[in-house]
Amino acid sequence: MEKMKVDIWSDVRCPFCYIGKRSLENALKKFLHRDKVELVWHSYELDPNLKTDTSIDIYDYFVSAKGTSREQAKMMMKNMKFSAEGVNLKFNVDEMIVANSFKAHRLIQFAKTKGWGNEIEEALFKAHFIEAKNIDDDPTLLNLAKNIGLDENETLQVLTSDAYTDEVKQDVMTAAQMGVRGVPFFVLNNKYAISGAQHENTFSDALNKAWGEFSQQQKKIEILNEGDSCDVDGNCN
């Protein structure tokens, strides 16, 4: 039986993408058919023009890039941290590094070809939000890739080239064509969409609804009785 796909557009710089990921995973833990669900990750860049800068903190970034006060930035980060704690994630907001995610997206695309999409997504989210690592740094990305089982030499070739650039851009373009205006964005069974980091109950309801239709699509016709017939090779009996 085929697996039901859940397509996810996200950016590893997006806190609500990590929170939404965890909410979906919590829902899947309770879903009876979780082994028949495939998560497919897609790239979405929140700020393609962002320049990696390890000399400033996340608050200074929001002040300069978003035009907020430092106090407002701290309140935003406090609220984000509180939301993360709701799904048992401990964000290290004070030490998060301002880093462009394009190279991380290329690494994700590479990992997907090896069947490690979920693992690299988790590793990158954790590196950025909890371990406060630079997700635009080659040695950091190489180490994350090695830790989940990706080949070191192949990964290095990807990181030091423009490999998987087209795949990243294609994902972004597909999202635009679908009318996606923000992430996370989840599409279940190519039909039902969930926008944003919703509660796990929302994901549970969507999973059950999508699965009901998916399972019906996969059912084969039941043959009640068989008589004489000829097969595709012309053999008759």
C-alpha atoms as a PDB file:
ATOM      1  CA  MET A   1       0.000   0.000   0.000  1.00  0.00           C
ATOM      2  CA  GLU A   2       1.233   3.466  -0.843  1.00  0.00           C
ATOM      3  CA  LYS A   3       1.821   5.947   1.935  1.00  0.00           C
ATOM      4  CA  MET A   4      -0.269   9.056   2.405  1.00  0.00           C
ATOM      5  CA  LYS A   5       1.860  12.120   1.881  1.00  0.00           C
ATOM      6  CA  VAL A   6       2.009  15.157   4.093  1.00  0.00           C
ATOM      7  CA  ASP A   7       3.877  17.878   2.195  1.00  0.00           C
ATOM      8  CA  ILE A   8       5.425  20.539   4.402  1.00  0.00           C
ATOM      9  CA  TRP A   9       6.812  23.899   3.331  1.00  0.00           C
ATOM     10  CA  SER A  10       9.080  25.406   5.948  1.00  0.00           C
ATOM     11  CA  ASP A  11      12.231  27.364   6.701  1.00  0.00           C
ATOM     12  CA  VAL A  12      14.599  26.184   9.429  1.00  0.00           C
ATOM     13  CA  ARG A  13      14.857  29.821  10.538  1.00  0.00           C
ATOM     14  CA  CYS A  14      11.123  29.848  11.266  1.00  0.00           C
ATOM     15  CA  PRO A  15      10.310  29.186  14.950  1.00  0.00           C
ATOM     16  CA  PHE A  16       6.709  28.274  14.215  1.00  0.00           C
ATOM     17  CA  CYS A  17       7.878  25.730  11.644  1.00  0.00           C
ATOM     18  CA  TYR A  18       9.702  23.885  14.433  1.00  0.00           C
ATOM     19  CA  ILE A  19       6.729  24.244  16.752  1.00  0.00           C
ATOM     20  CA  GLY A  20       4.359  23.071  14.016  1.00  0.00           C
ATOM     21  CA  LYS A  21       6.633  20.132  13.255  1.00  0.00           C
ATOM     22  CA  ARG A  22       6.469  19.031  16.865  1.00  0.00           C
ATOM     23  CA  SER A  23       2.681  19.438  17.016  1.00  0.00           C
ATOM     24  CA  LEU A  24       2.283  17.288  13.903  1.00  0.00           C
ATOM     25  CA  GLU A  25       4.629  14.663  15.343  1.00  0.00           C
ATOM     26  CA  ASN A  26       2.630  14.603  18.583  1.00  0.00           C
ATOM     27  CA  ALA A  27      -0.533  14.034  16.559  1.00  0.00           C
ATOM     28  CA  LEU A  28       1.144  11.284  14.556  1.00  0.00           C
ATOM     29  CA  LYS A  29       2.128   9.458  17.746  1.00  0.00           C
ATOM     30  CA  LYS A  30      -1.578   8.973  18.440  1.00  0.00           C
ATOM     31  CA  PHE A  31      -2.542   8.228  14.836  1.00  0.00           C
ATOM     32  CA  LEU A  32      -3.246   4.551  14.256  1.00  0.00           C
ATOM     33  CA  HIS A  33      -1.920   4.608  10.687  1.00  0.00           C
ATOM     34  CA  ARG A  34       1.223   6.669  11.384  1.00  0.00           C
ATOM     35  CA  ASP A  35       3.462   4.053   9.737  1.00  0.00           C
ATOM     36  CA  LYS A  36       1.613   4.660   6.485  1.00  0.00           C
ATOM     37  CA  VAL A  37       2.211   8.426   6.485  1.00  0.00           C
ATOM     38  CA  GLU A  38       5.169   9.989   4.675  1.00  0.00           C
ATOM     39  CA  LEU A  39       6.395  13.482   5.539  1.00  0.00           C
ATOM     40  CA  VAL A  40       7.823  15.314   2.527  1.00  0.00           C
ATOM     41  CA  TRP A  41       9.743  18.502   3.308  1.00  0.00           C
ATOM     42  CA  HIS A  42       9.851  21.460   0.927  1.00  0.00           C
ATOM     43  CA  SER A  43      11.973  24.599   0.974  1.00  0.00           C
ATOM     44  CA  TYR A  44      10.612  28.067   1.649  1.00  0.00           C
ATOM     45  CA  GLU A  45      12.891  31.059   2.237  1.00  0.00           C
ATOM     46  CA  LEU A  46      11.533  33.653   4.625  1.00  0.00           C
ATOM     47  CA  ASP A  47      14.240  36.210   3.904  1.00  0.00           C
ATOM     48  CA  PRO A  48      16.385  35.297   0.874  1.00  0.00           C
ATOM     49  CA  ASN A  49      18.377  38.527   1.141  1.00  0.00           C
ATOM     50  CA  LEU A  50      19.392  38.025   4.762  1.00  0.00           C
ATOM     51  CA  LYS A  51      23.140  38.279   5.304  1.00  0.00           C
ATOM     52  CA  THR A  52      24.655  35.980   7.903  1.00  0.00           C
ATOM     53  CA  ASP A  53      26.079  38.100  10.709  1.00  0.00           C
ATOM     54  CA  THR A  54      27.544  36.473  13.809  1.00  0.00           C
ATOM     55  CA  SER A  55      28.461  39.842  15.298  1.00  0.00           C
ATOM     56  CA  ILE A  56      24.903  40.848  16.229  1.00  0.00           C
ATOM     57  CA  ASP A  57      22.282  39.201  18.397  1.00  0.00           C
ATOM     58  CA  ILE A  58      18.752  38.340  17.364  1.00  0.00           C
ATOM     59  CA  TYR A  59      17.362  41.454  19.044  1.00  0.00           C
ATOM     60  CA  ASP A  60      19.637  43.799  17.097  1.00  0.00           C
ATOM     61  CA  TYR A  61      18.578  41.991  13.938  1.00  0.00           C
ATOM     62  CA  PHE A  62      14.899  42.664  14.581  1.00  0.00           C
ATOM     63  CA  VAL A  63      15.618  46.293  15.439  1.00  0.00           C
ATOM     64  CA  SER A  64      17.502  46.881  12.177  1.00  0.00           C
ATOM     65  CA  ALA A  65      15.535  44.613   9.847  1.00  0.00           C
ATOM     66  CA  LYS A  66      11.988  44.943  11.179  1.00  0.00           C
ATOM     67  CA  GLY A  67      12.062  48.439  12.621  1.00  0.00           C
ATOM     68  CA  THR A  68      11.007  47.366  16.107  1.00  0.00           C
ATOM     69  CA  SER A  69      12.422  48.588  19.395  1.00  0.00           C
ATOM     70  CA  ARG A  70      14.712  46.291  21.360  1.00  0.00           C
ATOM     71  CA  GLU A  71      11.990  45.985  23.997  1.00  0.00           C
ATOM     72  CA  GLN A  72       9.473  44.898  21.361  1.00  0.00           C
ATOM     73  CA  ALA A  73      11.956  42.410  19.964  1.00  0.00           C
ATOM     74  CA  LYS A  74      12.484  40.924  23.409  1.00  0.00           C
ATOM     75  CA  MET A  75       8.738  40.605  23.907  1.00  0.00           C
ATOM     76  CA  MET A  76       8.399  38.846  20.543  1.00  0.00           C
ATOM     77  CA  MET A  77      11.147  36.402  21.487  1.00  0.00           C
ATOM     78  CA  LYS A  78       9.586  35.829  24.899  1.00  0.00           C
ATOM     79  CA  ASN A  79       6.237  34.963  23.301  1.00  0.00           C
ATOM     80  CA  MET A  80       7.952  32.693  20.787  1.00  0.00           C
ATOM     81  CA  LYS A  81       9.822  30.910  23.573  1.00  0.00           C
ATOM     82  CA  PHE A  82       6.575  30.443  25.498  1.00  0.00           C
ATOM     83  CA  SER A  83       4.892  28.906  22.430  1.00  0.00           C
ATOM     84  CA  ALA A  84       7.818  26.529  21.990  1.00  0.00           C
ATOM     85  CA  GLU A  85       7.612  25.399  25.597  1.00  0.00           C
ATOM     86  CA  GLY A  86       4.032  24.336  24.889  1.00  0.00           C
ATOM     87  CA  VAL A  87       5.432  21.501  22.756  1.00  0.00           C
ATOM     88  CA  ASN A  88       8.418  20.840  25.044  1.00  0.00           C
ATOM     89  CA  LEU A  89      10.982  22.786  23.021  1.00  0.00           C
ATOM     90  CA  LYS A  90      13.492  24.937  24.897  1.00  0.00           C
ATOM     91  CA  PHE A  91      14.552  27.748  22.573  1.00  0.00           C
ATOM     92  CA  ASN A  92      17.855  29.458  23.323  1.00  0.00           C
ATOM     93  CA  VAL A  93      16.697  32.805  21.982  1.00  0.00           C
ATOM     94  CA  ASP A  94      19.399  34.967  23.560  1.00  0.00           C
ATOM     95  CA  GLU A  95      22.193  33.190  21.686  1.00  0.00           C
ATOM     96  CA  MET A  96      20.538  32.418  18.360  1.00  0.00           C
ATOM     97  CA  ILE A  97      22.733  33.297  15.380  1.00  0.00           C
ATOM     98  CA  VAL A  98      21.451  35.459  12.549  1.00  0.00           C
ATOM     99  CA  ALA A  99      22.137  33.239   9.531  1.00  0.00           C
ATOM    100  CA  ASN A 100      20.904  32.816   5.982  1.00  0.00           C
ATOM    101  CA  SER A 101      19.196  29.450   5.425  1.00  0.00           C
ATOM    102  CA  PHE A 102      19.753  28.894   1.694  1.00  0.00           C
ATOM    103  CA  LYS A 103      22.709  26.549   2.139  1.00  0.00           C
ATOM    104  CA  ALA A 104      20.750  24.626   4.773  1.00  0.00           C
ATOM    105  CA  HIS A 105      17.915  24.255   2.277  1.00  0.00           C
ATOM    106  CA  ARG A 106      20.286  22.803  -0.298  1.00  0.00           C
ATOM    107  CA  LEU A 107      21.480  20.333   2.331  1.00  0.00           C
ATOM    108  CA  ILE A 108      17.872  19.368   3.052  1.00  0.00           C
ATOM    109  CA  GLN A 109      17.256  18.713  -0.630  1.00  0.00           C
ATOM    110  CA  PHE A 110      20.344  16.491  -0.752  1.00  0.00           C
ATOM    111  CA  ALA A 111      19.320  14.621   2.405  1.00  0.00           C
ATOM    112  CA  LYS A 112      15.874  13.960   0.895  1.00  0.00           C
ATOM    113  CA  THR A 113      17.487  12.056  -1.976  1.00  0.00           C
ATOM    114  CA  LYS A 114      19.032   9.716   0.596  1.00  0.00           C
ATOM    115  CA  GLY A 115      15.859   9.268   2.628  1.00  0.00           C
ATOM    116  CA  TRP A 116      17.033  11.491   5.499  1.00  0.00           C
ATOM    117  CA  GLY A 117      14.724  14.482   5.049  1.00  0.00           C
ATOM    118  CA  ASN A 118      13.050  14.254   8.448  1.00  0.00           C
ATOM    119  CA  GLU A 119      16.336  13.717  10.230  1.00  0.00           C
ATOM    120  CA  ILE A 120      18.137  16.700   8.699  1.00  0.00           C
ATOM    121  CA  GLU A 121      15.140  18.967   9.327  1.00  0.00           C
ATOM    122  CA  GLU A 122      15.171  18.078  13.018  1.00  0.00           C
ATOM    123  CA  ALA A 123      18.939  18.459  13.216  1.00  0.00           C
ATOM    124  CA  LEU A 124      18.854  21.899  11.610  1.00  0.00           C
ATOM    125  CA  PHE A 125      15.961  23.145  13.715  1.00  0.00           C
ATOM    126  CA  LYS A 126      17.692  21.958  16.862  1.00  0.00           C
ATOM    127  CA  ALA A 127      21.010  23.475  15.796  1.00  0.00           C
ATOM    128  CA  HIS A 128      19.473  26.882  15.133  1.00  0.00           C
ATOM    129  CA  PHE A 129      16.935  27.267  17.931  1.00  0.00           C
ATOM    130  CA  ILE A 130      18.338  25.182  20.779  1.00  0.00           C
ATOM    131  CA  GLU A 131      22.078  24.826  20.259  1.00  0.00           C
ATOM    132  CA  ALA A 132      22.518  28.333  18.785  1.00  0.00           C
ATOM    133  CA  LYS A 133      24.726  27.142  15.930  1.00  0.00           C
ATOM    134  CA  ASN A 134      25.428  28.879  12.633  1.00  0.00           C
ATOM    135  CA  ILE A 135      23.311  27.112   9.997  1.00  0.00           C
ATOM    136  CA  ASP A 136      25.203  28.910   7.214  1.00  0.00           C
ATOM    137  CA  ASP A 137      28.561  27.486   8.272  1.00  0.00           C
ATOM    138  CA  ASP A 138      30.031  24.617   6.230  1.00  0.00           C
ATOM    139  CA  PRO A 139      31.764  22.748   9.111  1.00  0.00           C
ATOM    140  CA  THR A 140      28.587  22.995  11.200  1.00  0.00           C
ATOM    141  CA  LEU A 141      26.393  21.699   8.387  1.00  0.00           C
ATOM    142  CA  LEU A 142      28.865  18.954   7.543  1.00  0.00           C
ATOM    143  CA  ASN A 143      28.881  17.771  11.141  1.00  0.00           C
ATOM    144  CA  LEU A 144      25.079  17.740  11.300  1.00  0.00           C
ATOM    145  CA  ALA A 145      24.957  15.729   8.084  1.00  0.00           C
ATOM    146  CA  LYS A 146      27.517  13.194   9.343  1.00  0.00           C
ATOM    147  CA  ASN A 147      25.614  12.768  12.596  1.00  0.00           C
ATOM    148  CA  ILE A 148      22.454  11.644  10.808  1.00  0.00           C
ATOM    149  CA  GLY A 149      24.317   9.253   8.522  1.00  0.00           C
ATOM    150  CA  LEU A 150      25.040  11.225   5.340  1.00  0.00           C
ATOM    151  CA  ASP A 151      28.313  10.574   3.557  1.00  0.00           C
ATOM    152  CA  GLU A 152      30.931  13.176   4.468  1.00  0.00           C
ATOM    153  CA  ASN A 153      32.515  13.506   1.028  1.00  0.00           C
ATOM    154  CA  GLU A 154      29.202  13.709  -0.810  1.00  0.00           C
ATOM    155  CA  THR A 155      27.926  16.286   1.638  1.00  0.00           C
ATOM    156  CA  LEU A 156      31.066  18.391   1.294  1.00  0.00           C
ATOM    157  CA  GLN A 157      30.675  18.377  -2.481  1.00  0.00           C
ATOM    158  CA  VAL A 158      27.121  19.650  -2.085  1.00  0.00           C
ATOM    159  CA  LEU A 159      28.057  22.389   0.373  1.00  0.00           C
ATOM    160  CA  THR A 160      30.963  23.687  -1.702  1.00  0.00           C
ATOM    161  CA  SER A 161      28.953  23.845  -4.934  1.00  0.00           C
ATOM    162  CA  ASP A 162      25.583  25.151  -6.062  1.00  0.00           C
ATOM    163  CA  ALA A 163      24.061  21.674  -6.078  1.00  0.00           C
ATOM    164  CA  TYR A 164      20.303  21.474  -5.384  1.00  0.00           C
ATOM    165  CA  THR A 165      19.819  25.191  -5.984  1.00  0.00           C
ATOM    166  CA  ASP A 166      17.193  24.449  -8.628  1.00  0.00           C
ATOM    167  CA  GLU A 167      15.313  22.121  -6.279  1.00  0.00           C
ATOM    168  CA  VAL A 168      15.127  24.828  -3.623  1.00  0.00           C
ATOM    169  CA  LYS A 169      13.888  27.404  -6.120  1.00  0.00           C
ATOM    170  CA  GLN A 170      11.336  24.960  -7.525  1.00  0.00           C
ATOM    171  CA  ASP A 171       9.871  24.401  -4.061  1.00  0.00           C
ATOM    172  CA  VAL A 172       9.629  28.147  -3.496  1.00  0.00           C
ATOM    173  CA  MET A 173       7.973  28.640  -6.886  1.00  0.00           C
ATOM    174  CA  THR A 174       5.491  25.831  -6.248  1.00  0.00           C
ATOM    175  CA  ALA A 175       4.529  27.446  -2.948  1.00  0.00           C
ATOM    176  CA  ALA A 176       3.962  30.763  -4.700  1.00  0.00           C
ATOM    177  CA  GLN A 177       1.767  29.089  -7.301  1.00  0.00           C
ATOM    178  CA  MET A 178      -0.283  27.527  -4.501  1.00  0.00           C
ATOM    179  CA  GLY A 179      -0.759  30.918  -2.895  1.00  0.00           C
ATOM    180  CA  VAL A 180       1.314  30.125   0.185  1.00  0.00           C
ATOM    181  CA  ARG A 181       1.985  33.363   2.056  1.00  0.00           C
ATOM    182  CA  GLY A 182       3.736  32.005   5.107  1.00  0.00           C
ATOM    183  CA  VAL A 183       5.112  28.900   6.744  1.00  0.00           C
ATOM    184  CA  PRO A 184       4.715  26.337   8.100  1.00  0.00           C
ATOM    185  CA  PHE A 185       2.254  25.133   5.476  1.00  0.00           C
ATOM    186  CA  PHE A 186       1.051  21.530   5.464  1.00  0.00           C
ATOM    187  CA  VAL A 187      -0.807  19.735   2.672  1.00  0.00           C
ATOM    188  CA  LEU A 188      -2.323  16.340   3.481  1.00  0.00           C
ATOM    189  CA  ASN A 189      -3.069  13.881   0.695  1.00  0.00           C
ATOM    190  CA  ASN A 190      -2.732  16.666  -1.898  1.00  0.00           C
ATOM    191  CA  LYS A 191      -6.069  18.045  -0.719  1.00  0.00           C
ATOM    192  CA  TYR A 192      -6.264  19.435   2.802  1.00  0.00           C
ATOM    193  CA  ALA A 193      -4.061  22.335   3.892  1.00  0.00           C
ATOM    194  CA  ILE A 194      -3.121  23.561   7.353  1.00  0.00           C
ATOM    195  CA  SER A 195      -1.447  26.940   7.654  1.00  0.00           C
ATOM    196  CA  GLY A 196       0.656  27.812  10.674  1.00  0.00           C
ATOM    197  CA  ALA A 197       1.682  26.052  13.862  1.00  0.00           C
ATOM    198  CA  GLN A 198      -1.668  24.618  14.912  1.00  0.00           C
ATOM    199  CA  HIS A 199      -2.504  22.570  17.998  1.00  0.00           C
ATOM    200  CA  GLU A 200      -1.956  18.834  17.688  1.00  0.00           C
ATOM    201  CA  ASN A 201      -5.730  18.281  17.814  1.00  0.00           C
ATOM    202  CA  THR A 202      -6.054  20.201  14.559  1.00  0.00           C
ATOM    203  CA  PHE A 203      -3.490  17.907  12.981  1.00  0.00           C
ATOM    204  CA  SER A 204      -5.238  14.840  14.409  1.00  0.00           C
ATOM    205  CA  ASP A 205      -8.557  15.864  12.889  1.00  0.00           C
ATOM    206  CA  ALA A 206      -6.923  16.573   9.528  1.00  0.00           C
ATOM    207  CA  LEU A 207      -5.018  13.288   9.543  1.00  0.00           C
ATOM    208  CA  ASN A 208      -8.177  11.310  10.215  1.00  0.00           C
ATOM    209  CA  LYS A 209     -10.128  13.136   7.524  1.00  0.00           C
ATOM    210  CA  ALA A 210      -7.372  12.821   4.918  1.00  0.00           C
ATOM    211  CA  TRP A 211      -6.749   9.185   5.781  1.00  0.00           C
ATOM    212  CA  GLY A 212     -10.407   8.294   5.386  1.00  0.00           C
ATOM    213  CA  GLU A 213     -10.330   9.450   1.788  1.00  0.00           C
ATOM    214  CA  PHE A 214      -6.847   8.147   1.067  1.00  0.00           C
ATOM    215  CA  SER A 215      -7.632   4.635   2.303  1.00  0.00           C
ATOM    216  CA  GLN A 216     -10.747   4.509   0.155  1.00  0.00           C
ATOM    217  CA  GLN A 217      -8.709   5.503  -2.889  1.00  0.00           C
ATOM    218  CA  GLN A 218      -6.258   2.674  -2.223  1.00  0.00           C
ATOM    219  CA  LYS A 219      -8.851  -0.080  -1.865  1.00  0.00           C
ATOM    220  CA  LYS A 220      -8.839  -2.572  -4.694  1.00  0.00           C
ATOM    221  CA  ILE A 221     -12.005  -3.821  -6.336  1.00  0.00           C
ATOM    222  CA  GLU A 222     -13.189  -6.945  -4.602  1.00  0.00           C
ATOM    223  CA  ILE A 223     -13.921  -9.770  -7.044  1.00  0.00           C
ATOM    224  CA  LEU A 224     -17.049 -11.558  -5.858  1.00  0.00           C
ATOM    225  CA  ASN A 225     -16.913 -14.390  -8.406  1.00  0.00           C
ATOM    226  CA  GLU A 226     -14.598 -15.486 -11.188  1.00  0.00           C
ATOM    227  CA  GLY A 227     -15.608 -17.153 -14.448  1.00  0.00           C
ATOM    228  CA  ASP A 228     -13.853 -18.077 -17.671  1.00  0.00           C
ATOM    229  CA  SER A 229     -11.723 -15.291 -19.059  1.00  0.00           C
ATOM    230  CA  CYS A 230      -8.740 -14.357 -21.196  1.00  0.00           C
ATOM    231  CA  ASP A 231      -5.708 -12.563 -19.816  1.00  0.00           C
ATOM    232  CA  VAL A 232      -3.643  -9.753 -21.370  1.00  0.00           C
ATOM    233  CA  ASP A 233      -1.351 -12.301 -23.051  1.00  0.00           C
ATOM    234  CA  GLY A 234      -4.232 -13.936 -24.877  1.00  0.00           C
ATOM    235  CA  ASN A 235      -4.352 -17.005 -22.650  1.00  0.00           C
ATOM    236  CA  CYS A 236      -7.915 -18.184 -22.118  1.00  0.00           C
ATOM    237  CA  ASN A 237      -9.198 -20.556 -19.465  1.00  0.00           C
END
